[in-house]
Amino acid sequence: MTIMIDESNMPIIEQSLVFRLRKRAEIRRQIQGRKSVEQGTPDRIANLLEEAADEIDKLNGEQSSNTAWGGTTVDME
C-alpha cells in the first residue's frame, strides 16, 4: 500500500493528480448508498482509480531514476 501525503489543505489546482485519484477512490468507498458498499463487494471504479494512481507513481519513479543516472526524458507532445 502506498502512503498518501495529505494535500487536502492545498487548492485543487496545486494538488497532484495522484492525490486526487486516490482521494476520489477513498471517497467512493465510503459512500453508504453505493451498491458495492452495501453489498461489501469491491468498487471496480475505485480500484481503477487506485491502479491509475499506482501506475503514475511507478512511471514518475522510473523517470526520476532515469534522470538521476544522466539519462534524458522525452516530451511526447
Protein backbone atom coordinates (compact mmCIF):
# COMPACT_ATOMS: atom_id res chain seq x y z
CA MET A 1 0.00 0.00 0.00
CA THR A 2 1.24 3.47 -0.89
CA ILE A 3 1.34 6.18 1.75
CA MET A 4 -0.61 9.21 0.61
CA ILE A 5 0.61 12.66 1.62
CA ASP A 6 -2.39 14.76 2.64
CA GLU A 7 -2.71 17.57 0.13
CA SER A 8 -6.33 18.36 1.03
CA ASN A 9 -5.38 21.69 2.61
CA MET A 10 -3.99 22.85 -0.75
CA PRO A 11 -6.07 24.43 -3.52
CA ILE A 12 -7.18 21.79 -6.03
CA ILE A 13 -5.00 23.32 -8.74
CA GLU A 14 -1.95 22.58 -6.55
CA GLN A 15 -2.96 19.03 -5.60
CA SER A 16 -1.22 16.27 -7.52
CA LEU A 17 -3.19 14.09 -9.89
CA VAL A 18 -2.14 11.01 -7.89
CA PHE A 19 -3.52 12.53 -4.67
CA ARG A 20 -6.82 13.43 -6.34
CA LEU A 21 -7.22 9.94 -7.84
CA ARG A 22 -6.54 8.24 -4.50
CA LYS A 23 -8.80 10.66 -2.59
CA ARG A 24 -11.67 10.08 -5.04
CA ALA A 25 -11.27 6.30 -4.66
CA GLU A 26 -11.34 6.70 -0.87
CA ILE A 27 -14.50 8.83 -1.04
CA ARG A 28 -16.27 6.35 -3.36
CA ARG A 29 -15.57 3.50 -0.95
CA GLN A 30 -17.18 5.41 1.93
CA ILE A 31 -20.47 6.43 0.29
CA GLN A 32 -23.09 4.37 2.13
CA GLY A 33 -25.66 4.37 -0.68
CA ARG A 34 -23.27 2.79 -3.20
CA LYS A 35 -24.25 -0.75 -4.20
CA SER A 36 -20.70 -2.07 -3.71
CA VAL A 37 -20.56 -0.61 -0.19
CA GLU A 38 -23.96 -2.05 0.73
CA GLN A 39 -23.02 -5.48 -0.64
CA GLY A 40 -19.46 -5.41 0.65
CA THR A 41 -18.06 -6.00 -2.83
CA PRO A 42 -15.08 -4.25 -4.43
CA ASP A 43 -15.78 -0.94 -6.15
CA ARG A 44 -14.34 -1.51 -9.62
CA ILE A 45 -14.04 2.17 -10.48
CA ALA A 46 -12.36 2.96 -7.14
CA ASN A 47 -9.96 0.11 -7.83
CA LEU A 48 -9.28 1.52 -11.30
CA LEU A 49 -8.59 4.97 -9.81
CA GLU A 50 -6.09 3.40 -7.40
CA GLU A 51 -4.50 1.40 -10.21
CA ALA A 52 -4.08 4.56 -12.30
CA ALA A 53 -2.50 6.39 -9.34
CA ASP A 54 -0.13 3.45 -8.75
CA GLU A 55 0.90 3.42 -12.42
CA ILE A 56 1.55 7.18 -12.40
CA ASP A 57 3.66 6.78 -9.26
CA LYS A 58 5.57 3.94 -10.91
CA LEU A 59 6.19 5.94 -14.09
CA ASN A 60 7.24 9.02 -12.12
CA GLY A 61 9.70 6.87 -10.16
CA GLU A 62 11.15 5.45 -13.36
CA GLN A 63 11.50 8.93 -14.82
CA SER A 64 13.27 10.14 -11.66
CA SER A 65 15.71 7.23 -11.73
CA ASN A 66 16.40 7.79 -15.45
CA THR A 67 17.34 11.41 -14.90
CA ALA A 68 19.36 10.52 -11.79
CA TRP A 69 21.84 8.50 -13.88
CA GLY A 70 22.08 11.21 -16.50
CA GLY A 71 19.51 9.84 -18.93
CA THR A 72 17.18 12.17 -20.74
CA THR A 73 13.43 12.37 -20.73
CA VAL A 74 11.45 12.97 -23.89
CA ASP A 75 8.35 15.12 -24.06
CA MET A 76 5.92 13.32 -26.37
CA GLU A 77 3.65 16.33 -27.03
